[in-house]
Every structure is written in structure tokens, then in C-alpha cells.
N, C-alpha and C. Protein backbone atom coordinates (compact mmCIF):
# COMPACT_ATOMS: atom_id res chain seq x y z
N UNK A 1 64.04 -16.62 35.60
CA UNK A 1 62.97 -16.27 34.70
C UNK A 1 61.85 -17.30 34.77
N UNK A 2 62.20 -18.55 35.00
CA UNK A 2 61.18 -19.61 35.00
C UNK A 2 60.23 -19.50 36.19
N UNK A 3 60.60 -18.72 37.22
CA UNK A 3 59.71 -18.58 38.37
C UNK A 3 58.68 -17.47 38.19
N UNK A 4 58.78 -16.70 37.12
CA UNK A 4 57.84 -15.61 36.88
C UNK A 4 56.56 -16.11 36.24
N UNK A 5 55.44 -15.55 36.68
CA UNK A 5 54.16 -15.86 36.06
C UNK A 5 54.05 -15.09 34.75
N UNK A 6 53.15 -15.52 33.89
CA UNK A 6 52.92 -14.81 32.63
C UNK A 6 52.61 -13.36 32.94
N UNK A 7 53.28 -12.44 32.26
CA UNK A 7 53.09 -11.02 32.49
C UNK A 7 53.86 -10.49 33.70
N UNK A 8 54.69 -11.34 34.33
CA UNK A 8 55.42 -10.96 35.54
C UNK A 8 56.57 -10.01 35.26
N UNK A 9 57.13 -9.51 36.35
CA UNK A 9 58.23 -8.55 36.26
C UNK A 9 59.43 -9.05 37.05
N UNK A 10 60.60 -9.03 36.45
CA UNK A 10 61.85 -9.35 37.12
C UNK A 10 62.53 -8.03 37.44
N UNK A 11 62.79 -7.80 38.72
CA UNK A 11 63.48 -6.58 39.14
C UNK A 11 64.86 -6.96 39.60
N UNK A 12 65.88 -6.34 39.04
CA UNK A 12 67.25 -6.61 39.43
C UNK A 12 67.90 -5.32 39.87
N UNK A 13 68.68 -5.40 40.93
CA UNK A 13 69.30 -4.22 41.50
C UNK A 13 70.81 -4.31 41.40
N UNK A 14 71.41 -3.29 40.89
CA UNK A 14 72.87 -3.22 40.85
C UNK A 14 73.48 -4.10 39.79
N UNK A 15 74.76 -3.95 39.66
CA UNK A 15 75.52 -4.75 38.72
C UNK A 15 76.91 -4.98 39.25
N UNK A 16 77.02 -5.15 40.56
CA UNK A 16 78.31 -5.25 41.23
C UNK A 16 79.15 -6.41 40.70
N UNK A 17 78.50 -7.50 40.33
CA UNK A 17 79.24 -8.68 39.86
C UNK A 17 79.44 -8.67 38.35
N UNK A 18 78.94 -7.66 37.67
CA UNK A 18 79.12 -7.58 36.22
C UNK A 18 77.80 -7.44 35.50
N UNK A 19 77.89 -7.13 34.22
CA UNK A 19 76.68 -6.86 33.46
C UNK A 19 76.44 -7.85 32.32
N UNK A 20 77.37 -8.74 32.07
CA UNK A 20 77.21 -9.71 30.99
C UNK A 20 76.50 -10.94 31.51
N UNK A 21 75.32 -11.22 30.95
CA UNK A 21 74.54 -12.40 31.34
C UNK A 21 74.04 -13.11 30.09
N UNK A 22 73.91 -14.43 30.19
CA UNK A 22 73.30 -15.20 29.12
C UNK A 22 71.80 -15.27 29.41
N UNK A 23 70.98 -14.88 28.46
CA UNK A 23 69.54 -14.84 28.69
C UNK A 23 68.81 -15.37 27.47
N UNK A 24 67.98 -16.37 27.69
CA UNK A 24 67.12 -16.90 26.64
C UNK A 24 65.93 -15.95 26.52
N UNK A 25 65.82 -15.25 25.42
CA UNK A 25 64.76 -14.25 25.25
C UNK A 25 63.39 -14.83 24.92
N UNK A 26 63.33 -16.11 24.52
CA UNK A 26 62.05 -16.69 24.16
C UNK A 26 61.01 -16.57 25.28
N UNK A 27 61.34 -16.93 26.56
CA UNK A 27 60.33 -16.76 27.61
C UNK A 27 59.92 -15.30 27.83
N UNK A 28 60.84 -14.38 27.61
CA UNK A 28 60.52 -12.96 27.78
C UNK A 28 59.41 -12.56 26.82
N UNK A 29 59.55 -12.97 25.56
CA UNK A 29 58.54 -12.64 24.55
C UNK A 29 57.27 -13.48 24.73
N UNK A 30 57.44 -14.79 24.86
CA UNK A 30 56.29 -15.69 24.92
C UNK A 30 55.42 -15.45 26.15
N UNK A 31 56.05 -15.16 27.29
CA UNK A 31 55.29 -14.95 28.52
C UNK A 31 55.05 -13.48 28.83
N UNK A 32 55.44 -12.60 27.90
CA UNK A 32 55.24 -11.16 28.03
C UNK A 32 55.79 -10.64 29.37
N UNK A 33 57.06 -10.99 29.62
CA UNK A 33 57.71 -10.60 30.87
C UNK A 33 58.32 -9.20 30.76
N UNK A 34 58.48 -8.57 31.90
CA UNK A 34 59.12 -7.26 31.98
C UNK A 34 60.38 -7.40 32.82
N UNK A 35 61.47 -6.82 32.34
CA UNK A 35 62.73 -6.80 33.10
C UNK A 35 63.06 -5.35 33.38
N UNK A 36 63.25 -5.03 34.64
CA UNK A 36 63.60 -3.65 35.01
C UNK A 36 64.72 -3.69 36.03
N UNK A 37 65.51 -2.66 36.07
CA UNK A 37 66.64 -2.68 36.99
C UNK A 37 67.09 -1.30 37.41
N UNK A 38 67.99 -1.31 38.37
CA UNK A 38 68.54 -0.07 38.89
C UNK A 38 69.99 -0.32 39.29
N UNK A 39 70.78 0.70 39.23
CA UNK A 39 72.17 0.58 39.67
C UNK A 39 72.38 1.55 40.83
N UNK A 40 73.05 1.08 41.87
CA UNK A 40 73.21 1.91 43.06
C UNK A 40 74.46 2.77 43.01
N UNK A 41 75.40 2.42 42.21
CA UNK A 41 76.65 3.15 42.15
C UNK A 41 77.76 2.23 41.72
N UNK A 42 78.98 2.64 41.97
CA UNK A 42 80.13 1.83 41.58
C UNK A 42 80.46 0.82 42.67
N UNK A 43 81.33 -0.11 42.37
CA UNK A 43 81.80 -1.08 43.35
C UNK A 43 82.48 -0.35 44.50
N UNK A 44 83.23 0.70 44.20
CA UNK A 44 83.89 1.50 45.24
C UNK A 44 82.86 2.16 46.16
N UNK A 45 81.77 2.66 45.58
CA UNK A 45 80.68 3.25 46.38
C UNK A 45 80.15 2.22 47.37
N UNK A 46 79.92 0.98 46.90
CA UNK A 46 79.39 -0.06 47.77
C UNK A 46 80.40 -0.42 48.86
N UNK A 47 81.67 -0.54 48.50
CA UNK A 47 82.70 -0.86 49.49
C UNK A 47 82.76 0.22 50.57
N UNK A 48 82.69 1.50 50.15
CA UNK A 48 82.70 2.61 51.10
C UNK A 48 81.49 2.55 52.03
N UNK A 49 80.33 2.23 51.48
CA UNK A 49 79.12 2.16 52.27
C UNK A 49 79.21 1.03 53.30
N UNK A 50 79.67 -0.14 52.87
CA UNK A 50 79.80 -1.28 53.78
C UNK A 50 80.80 -0.96 54.89
N UNK A 51 81.89 -0.30 54.55
CA UNK A 51 82.88 0.08 55.56
C UNK A 51 82.28 1.06 56.56
N UNK A 52 81.53 2.03 56.08
CA UNK A 52 80.88 3.00 56.97
C UNK A 52 79.90 2.31 57.91
N UNK A 53 79.10 1.40 57.39
CA UNK A 53 78.14 0.66 58.21
C UNK A 53 78.86 -0.14 59.28
N UNK A 54 79.95 -0.81 58.90
CA UNK A 54 80.72 -1.61 59.86
C UNK A 54 81.36 -0.73 60.92
N UNK A 55 81.98 0.36 60.52
CA UNK A 55 82.65 1.26 61.47
C UNK A 55 81.65 1.92 62.42
N UNK A 56 80.47 2.24 61.92
CA UNK A 56 79.45 2.90 62.75
C UNK A 56 78.70 1.91 63.63
N UNK A 57 78.89 0.60 63.38
CA UNK A 57 78.19 -0.41 64.18
C UNK A 57 76.70 -0.47 63.90
N UNK A 58 76.31 -0.10 62.69
CA UNK A 58 74.89 -0.12 62.33
C UNK A 58 74.45 -1.56 62.10
N UNK A 59 73.36 -1.94 62.74
CA UNK A 59 72.79 -3.28 62.56
C UNK A 59 71.30 -3.13 62.28
N UNK A 60 70.77 -3.93 61.36
CA UNK A 60 69.34 -3.83 61.06
C UNK A 60 68.50 -4.37 62.21
N UNK A 61 67.34 -3.81 62.40
CA UNK A 61 66.40 -4.32 63.40
C UNK A 61 65.61 -5.43 62.72
N UNK A 62 65.71 -6.63 63.27
CA UNK A 62 65.02 -7.79 62.71
C UNK A 62 63.75 -8.04 63.52
N UNK A 63 62.60 -7.92 62.86
CA UNK A 63 61.33 -8.17 63.53
C UNK A 63 61.08 -9.65 63.70
N UNK A 64 61.30 -10.42 62.65
CA UNK A 64 61.14 -11.87 62.68
C UNK A 64 61.84 -12.44 61.46
N UNK A 65 62.13 -13.73 61.52
CA UNK A 65 62.73 -14.42 60.39
C UNK A 65 61.70 -15.40 59.86
N UNK A 66 61.40 -15.30 58.58
CA UNK A 66 60.40 -16.15 57.96
C UNK A 66 61.12 -17.26 57.21
N UNK A 67 60.84 -18.51 57.53
CA UNK A 67 61.44 -19.64 56.82
C UNK A 67 60.75 -19.79 55.47
N UNK A 68 61.53 -19.78 54.40
CA UNK A 68 60.98 -19.88 53.05
C UNK A 68 60.10 -21.13 52.90
N UNK A 69 60.51 -22.23 53.52
CA UNK A 69 59.77 -23.48 53.39
C UNK A 69 58.38 -23.40 54.02
N UNK A 70 58.20 -22.50 54.98
CA UNK A 70 56.91 -22.40 55.67
C UNK A 70 56.09 -21.20 55.21
N UNK A 71 56.54 -20.54 54.20
CA UNK A 71 55.93 -19.30 53.74
C UNK A 71 54.58 -19.53 53.07
N UNK A 72 54.44 -20.60 52.34
CA UNK A 72 53.19 -20.98 51.67
C UNK A 72 52.64 -19.89 50.75
N UNK A 73 53.55 -19.25 50.01
CA UNK A 73 53.11 -18.30 48.99
C UNK A 73 52.80 -16.90 49.47
N UNK A 74 52.83 -16.67 50.78
CA UNK A 74 52.58 -15.31 51.27
C UNK A 74 53.27 -15.10 52.60
N UNK A 75 53.36 -13.86 53.02
CA UNK A 75 53.98 -13.54 54.30
C UNK A 75 53.05 -13.96 55.43
N UNK A 76 53.61 -14.17 56.62
CA UNK A 76 52.74 -14.49 57.75
C UNK A 76 51.71 -13.39 57.97
N UNK A 77 50.56 -13.76 58.51
CA UNK A 77 49.47 -12.80 58.70
C UNK A 77 49.90 -11.58 59.49
N UNK A 78 50.71 -11.77 60.52
CA UNK A 78 51.10 -10.62 61.35
C UNK A 78 51.97 -9.63 60.59
N UNK A 79 52.64 -10.08 59.52
CA UNK A 79 53.46 -9.18 58.71
C UNK A 79 52.63 -8.56 57.61
N UNK A 80 51.73 -9.34 57.01
CA UNK A 80 50.99 -8.89 55.83
C UNK A 80 49.74 -8.09 56.16
N UNK A 81 49.19 -8.22 57.35
CA UNK A 81 47.96 -7.50 57.69
C UNK A 81 48.16 -6.00 57.54
N UNK A 82 47.19 -5.35 56.94
CA UNK A 82 47.29 -3.90 56.73
C UNK A 82 47.34 -3.14 58.05
N UNK A 83 46.65 -3.67 59.09
CA UNK A 83 46.61 -2.95 60.35
C UNK A 83 47.78 -3.30 61.26
N UNK A 84 48.63 -4.22 60.81
CA UNK A 84 49.79 -4.60 61.64
C UNK A 84 50.90 -3.57 61.49
N UNK A 85 51.55 -3.26 62.58
CA UNK A 85 52.68 -2.34 62.55
C UNK A 85 53.94 -3.15 62.29
N UNK A 86 54.67 -2.81 61.24
CA UNK A 86 55.89 -3.54 60.96
C UNK A 86 56.95 -3.11 61.95
N UNK A 87 57.54 -4.08 62.60
CA UNK A 87 58.56 -3.80 63.61
C UNK A 87 59.87 -4.42 63.14
N UNK A 88 60.63 -3.69 62.34
CA UNK A 88 61.90 -4.19 61.83
C UNK A 88 61.73 -4.93 60.52
N UNK A 89 62.84 -5.49 60.04
CA UNK A 89 62.85 -6.24 58.80
C UNK A 89 62.30 -7.64 59.03
N UNK A 90 61.81 -8.26 57.97
CA UNK A 90 61.30 -9.62 58.03
C UNK A 90 61.95 -10.43 56.91
N UNK A 91 63.23 -10.75 57.07
CA UNK A 91 63.93 -11.50 56.00
C UNK A 91 63.47 -12.94 55.94
N UNK A 92 63.65 -13.55 54.76
CA UNK A 92 63.34 -14.96 54.58
C UNK A 92 64.63 -15.75 54.61
N UNK A 93 64.61 -16.87 55.31
CA UNK A 93 65.78 -17.75 55.37
C UNK A 93 65.46 -18.98 54.53
N UNK A 94 66.42 -19.35 53.69
CA UNK A 94 66.25 -20.51 52.81
C UNK A 94 67.06 -21.67 53.37
N UNK A 95 66.39 -22.76 53.67
CA UNK A 95 67.06 -23.96 54.16
C UNK A 95 67.92 -23.69 55.38
N UNK A 96 69.12 -24.21 55.39
CA UNK A 96 70.01 -24.07 56.52
C UNK A 96 70.91 -22.87 56.45
N UNK A 97 70.67 -21.96 55.49
CA UNK A 97 71.54 -20.80 55.36
C UNK A 97 71.26 -19.79 56.49
N UNK A 98 72.26 -19.45 57.27
CA UNK A 98 72.04 -18.48 58.35
C UNK A 98 71.93 -17.07 57.82
N UNK A 99 71.32 -16.21 58.62
CA UNK A 99 71.24 -14.79 58.25
C UNK A 99 72.49 -14.09 58.68
């Protein structure tokens, strides 16, 4: 929550790890934040999907890997340009964590 700008929106997807969270509501009210979310299905649904992806040998097409430390607040020009054709995913890598 502390990384959101005033009036910002926190989007959360799924609830696979559970739905009980401790949340200080003061920043939500004081900074006029919005929290929105979506659920994809049950844990069993996710397990079935992951198994199907693994069995089918589906792999994402990676266009480039963007290092979070070098991002400087925006995506690289070749990814963000409106006239650029996106070629695959452009995940961000944080520190030494591999993709």
C-alpha cells in the first residue's frame, strides 16, 4: 500500500494463498486509494491448469527481460512506444531472482 500514489489503485488477482489479510485502513482513506480484485477459480482449477500447461509443453514467448533496477520508472522505449510491435512478454526481474 505504501508504494501507491495518492488516488492510486491496488489490483490483486486471485486468492490462492487465502483471503485473510491484516490491512491498515488509514492509508486507504487518507490517500483515497482504491482496492480492486478478481478471482480466477479454485485452487484445484489452478492446479489443473498448471498440469495442462506442463503436459502440453506450453512455454511463454519472452521478448526481453527488463531489470527492475534499470527500469527508471517506465518500460524501455522499444516496449513502450506506441508504434512498436510487442514481440512476446516483457517480464521484470528483481535483483538476482531468475525467471
